[in-house]
C-alpha atoms as a PDB file:
ATOM      1  CA  UNK A   1      22.396 -19.268  -4.850  1.00  0.00           C
ATOM      2  CA  UNK A   2      18.822 -18.558  -3.464  1.00  0.00           C
ATOM      3  CA  UNK A   3      17.312 -15.355  -4.244  1.00  0.00           C
ATOM      4  CA  UNK A   4      16.991 -13.209  -0.828  1.00  0.00           C
ATOM      5  CA  UNK A   5      13.493 -12.774  -0.053  1.00  0.00           C
ATOM      6  CA  UNK A   6      12.175  -9.278   0.169  1.00  0.00           C
ATOM      7  CA  UNK A   7       9.724  -8.446   3.129  1.00  0.00           C
ATOM      8  CA  UNK A   8       6.931  -6.710   3.687  1.00  0.00           C
ATOM      9  CA  UNK A   9       7.022  -4.084   6.876  1.00  0.00           C
ATOM     10  CA  UNK A  10       3.757  -2.206   7.534  1.00  0.00           C
ATOM     11  CA  UNK A  11       4.139   1.319   9.203  1.00  0.00           C
ATOM     12  CA  UNK A  12       1.800   2.514  12.326  1.00  0.00           C
ATOM     13  CA  UNK A  13       0.037   4.562  10.009  1.00  0.00           C
ATOM     14  CA  UNK A  14      -0.577   2.161   7.228  1.00  0.00           C
ATOM     15  CA  UNK A  15      -1.831  -0.581   9.622  1.00  0.00           C
ATOM     16  CA  UNK A  16      -4.175   1.979  11.114  1.00  0.00           C
ATOM     17  CA  UNK A  17      -5.557   3.443   8.030  1.00  0.00           C
ATOM     18  CA  UNK A  18      -6.357  -0.360   6.982  1.00  0.00           C
ATOM     19  CA  UNK A  19      -8.143  -0.950  10.043  1.00  0.00           C
ATOM     20  CA  UNK A  20      -9.982   2.200   9.942  1.00  0.00           C
ATOM     21  CA  UNK A  21     -10.972   1.620   6.224  1.00  0.00           C
ATOM     22  CA  UNK A  22     -12.289  -2.163   6.903  1.00  0.00           C
ATOM     23  CA  UNK A  23     -14.152  -0.705   9.959  1.00  0.00           C
ATOM     24  CA  UNK A  24     -15.711   1.638   7.803  1.00  0.00           C
ATOM     25  CA  UNK A  25     -17.009  -0.329   5.263  1.00  0.00           C
ATOM     26  CA  UNK A  26     -18.008  -3.163   7.189  1.00  0.00           C
ATOM     27  CA  UNK A  27     -20.618  -0.719   8.432  1.00  0.00           C
ATOM     28  CA  UNK A  28     -21.687  -0.322   5.423  1.00  0.00           C
ATOM     29  CA  UNK A  29     -21.255  -3.895   3.866  1.00  0.00           C
ATOM     30  CA  UNK A  30     -19.203  -6.797   5.702  1.00  0.00           C
ATOM     31  CA  UNK A  31     -19.083  -8.293   1.860  1.00  0.00           C
ATOM     32  CA  UNK A  32     -17.267  -5.170   0.566  1.00  0.00           C
ATOM     33  CA  UNK A  33     -15.102  -5.262   3.449  1.00  0.00           C
ATOM     34  CA  UNK A  34     -14.171  -8.609   2.649  1.00  0.00           C
ATOM     35  CA  UNK A  35     -13.539  -7.879  -0.802  1.00  0.00           C
ATOM     36  CA  UNK A  36     -11.377  -4.640  -0.340  1.00  0.00           C
ATOM     37  CA  UNK A  37      -9.266  -6.354   2.378  1.00  0.00           C
ATOM     38  CA  UNK A  38      -8.375  -8.984  -0.136  1.00  0.00           C
ATOM     39  CA  UNK A  39      -7.542  -7.012  -2.762  1.00  0.00           C
ATOM     40  CA  UNK A  40      -5.124  -4.921  -0.734  1.00  0.00           C
ATOM     41  CA  UNK A  41      -3.435  -7.710   0.738  1.00  0.00           C
ATOM     42  CA  UNK A  42      -3.277  -9.482  -1.992  1.00  0.00           C
ATOM     43  CA  UNK A  43      -1.513  -6.510  -3.997  1.00  0.00           C
ATOM     44  CA  UNK A  44       0.695  -6.085  -1.077  1.00  0.00           C
ATOM     45  CA  UNK A  45       1.655  -9.732  -0.455  1.00  0.00           C
ATOM     46  CA  UNK A  46       2.913  -9.751  -4.344  1.00  0.00           C
ATOM     47  CA  UNK A  47       4.954  -6.494  -3.917  1.00  0.00           C
ATOM     48  CA  UNK A  48       7.933  -8.376  -2.901  1.00  0.00           C
ATOM     49  CA  UNK A  49       8.006 -10.015  -6.205  1.00  0.00           C
ATOM     50  CA  UNK A  50       8.138  -7.337  -8.135  1.00  0.00           C
ATOM     51  CA  UNK A  51       8.932  -4.315  -5.806  1.00  0.00           C
ATOM     52  CA  UNK A  52       9.593  -1.954  -8.652  1.00  0.00           C
ATOM     53  CA  UNK A  53       6.715  -2.696 -11.246  1.00  0.00           C
ATOM     54  CA  UNK A  54       4.266  -0.038  -9.754  1.00  0.00           C
ATOM     55  CA  UNK A  55       4.919   3.560 -10.897  1.00  0.00           C
ATOM     56  CA  UNK A  56       6.845   6.161  -8.685  1.00  0.00           C
ATOM     57  CA  UNK A  57       4.811   8.064  -6.086  1.00  0.00           C
ATOM     58  CA  UNK A  58       4.077  11.415  -8.085  1.00  0.00           C
ATOM     59  CA  UNK A  59       3.051  13.091  -4.982  1.00  0.00           C
ATOM     60  CA  UNK A  60       6.394  12.668  -3.068  1.00  0.00           C
ATOM     61  CA  UNK A  61       8.797  15.220  -3.698  1.00  0.00           C
ATOM     62  CA  UNK A  62      12.309  14.506  -4.281  1.00  0.00           C
ATOM     63  CA  UNK A  63      11.436  11.160  -4.934  1.00  0.00           C
ATOM     64  CA  UNK A  64      14.485   9.191  -4.928  1.00  0.00           C
ATOM     65  CA  UNK A  65      12.141   6.263  -7.118  1.00  0.00           C
ATOM     66  CA  UNK A  66      12.269   4.194  -4.350  1.00  0.00           C
ATOM     67  CA  UNK A  67       8.557   5.717  -3.023  1.00  0.00           C
ATOM     68  CA  UNK A  68       6.159   4.088  -5.193  1.00  0.00           C
ATOM     69  CA  UNK A  69       2.258   3.863  -5.300  1.00  0.00           C
ATOM     70  CA  UNK A  70      -0.625   1.708  -6.647  1.00  0.00           C
ATOM     71  CA  UNK A  71      -4.022   1.752  -6.495  1.00  0.00           C
ATOM     72  CA  UNK A  72      -6.529  -0.869  -5.299  1.00  0.00           C
ATOM     73  CA  UNK A  73     -10.397  -0.430  -5.773  1.00  0.00           C
ATOM     74  CA  UNK A  74     -10.293   3.336  -4.633  1.00  0.00           C
ATOM     75  CA  UNK A  75      -7.395   2.702  -2.338  1.00  0.00           C
ATOM     76  CA  UNK A  76      -3.898   4.207  -2.629  1.00  0.00           C
ATOM     77  CA  UNK A  77      -1.050   2.041  -1.300  1.00  0.00           C
ATOM     78  CA  UNK A  78       2.187   4.196  -0.851  1.00  0.00           C
ATOM     79  CA  UNK A  79       5.350   2.639  -0.162  1.00  0.00           C
ATOM     80  CA  UNK A  80       9.142   2.575  -0.195  1.00  0.00           C
ATOM     81  CA  UNK A  81      10.822  -0.019  -1.887  1.00  0.00           C
ATOM     82  CA  UNK A  82      14.461  -1.528  -2.027  1.00  0.00           C
ATOM     83  CA  UNK A  83      16.141  -4.889  -2.237  1.00  0.00           C
ATOM     84  CA  UNK A  84      15.873  -5.707   1.222  1.00  0.00           C
ATOM     85  CA  UNK A  85      12.222  -4.370   2.240  1.00  0.00           C
ATOM     86  CA  UNK A  86       9.212  -2.905   1.188  1.00  0.00           C
ATOM     87  CA  UNK A  87       7.641  -0.626   3.531  1.00  0.00           C
ATOM     88  CA  UNK A  88       3.973  -0.065   3.426  1.00  0.00           C
ATOM     89  CA  UNK A  89       3.719   3.809   4.247  1.00  0.00           C
ATOM     90  CA  UNK A  90      -0.207   4.358   4.105  1.00  0.00           C
ATOM     91  CA  UNK A  91      -3.201   3.856   2.634  1.00  0.00           C
ATOM     92  CA  UNK A  92      -5.848   6.354   1.703  1.00  0.00           C
ATOM     93  CA  UNK A  93      -8.644   6.574  -0.342  1.00  0.00           C
ATOM     94  CA  UNK A  94      -8.124   8.141  -3.702  1.00  0.00           C
ATOM     95  CA  UNK A  95     -10.927  11.056  -3.020  1.00  0.00           C
ATOM     96  CA  UNK A  96      -8.784  12.589  -0.370  1.00  0.00           C
ATOM     97  CA  UNK A  97      -6.498  15.441  -0.903  1.00  0.00           C
ATOM     98  CA  UNK A  98      -2.537  13.742  -1.194  1.00  0.00           C
ATOM     99  CA  UNK A  99      -0.049  14.855   1.988  1.00  0.00           C
ATOM    100  CA  UNK A 100       2.288  17.283   1.521  1.00  0.00           C
ATOM    101  CA  UNK A 101       5.688  15.083   1.219  1.00  0.00           C
END
């Protein structure tokens, strides 16, 4: 029997954050924007293969262990993982204060 493919779903916040990050970087350096974009997208594309390989999100209170996070360059990708889908919740620069969740 074939293994069910887990899908990535981007929240509106994550989509907005990603666009804002790339817009900001592009103004400074188009090459840097491309490198960061490729790194983030590559990491997110691999999440369905090993959804629980990244550490539990330490900033999430009462975490059910389904909330995970990883860092690509200086950007923290927060996501919710289960065996059906991965929801990309937000992408934030690591220098920013974490949200109170």
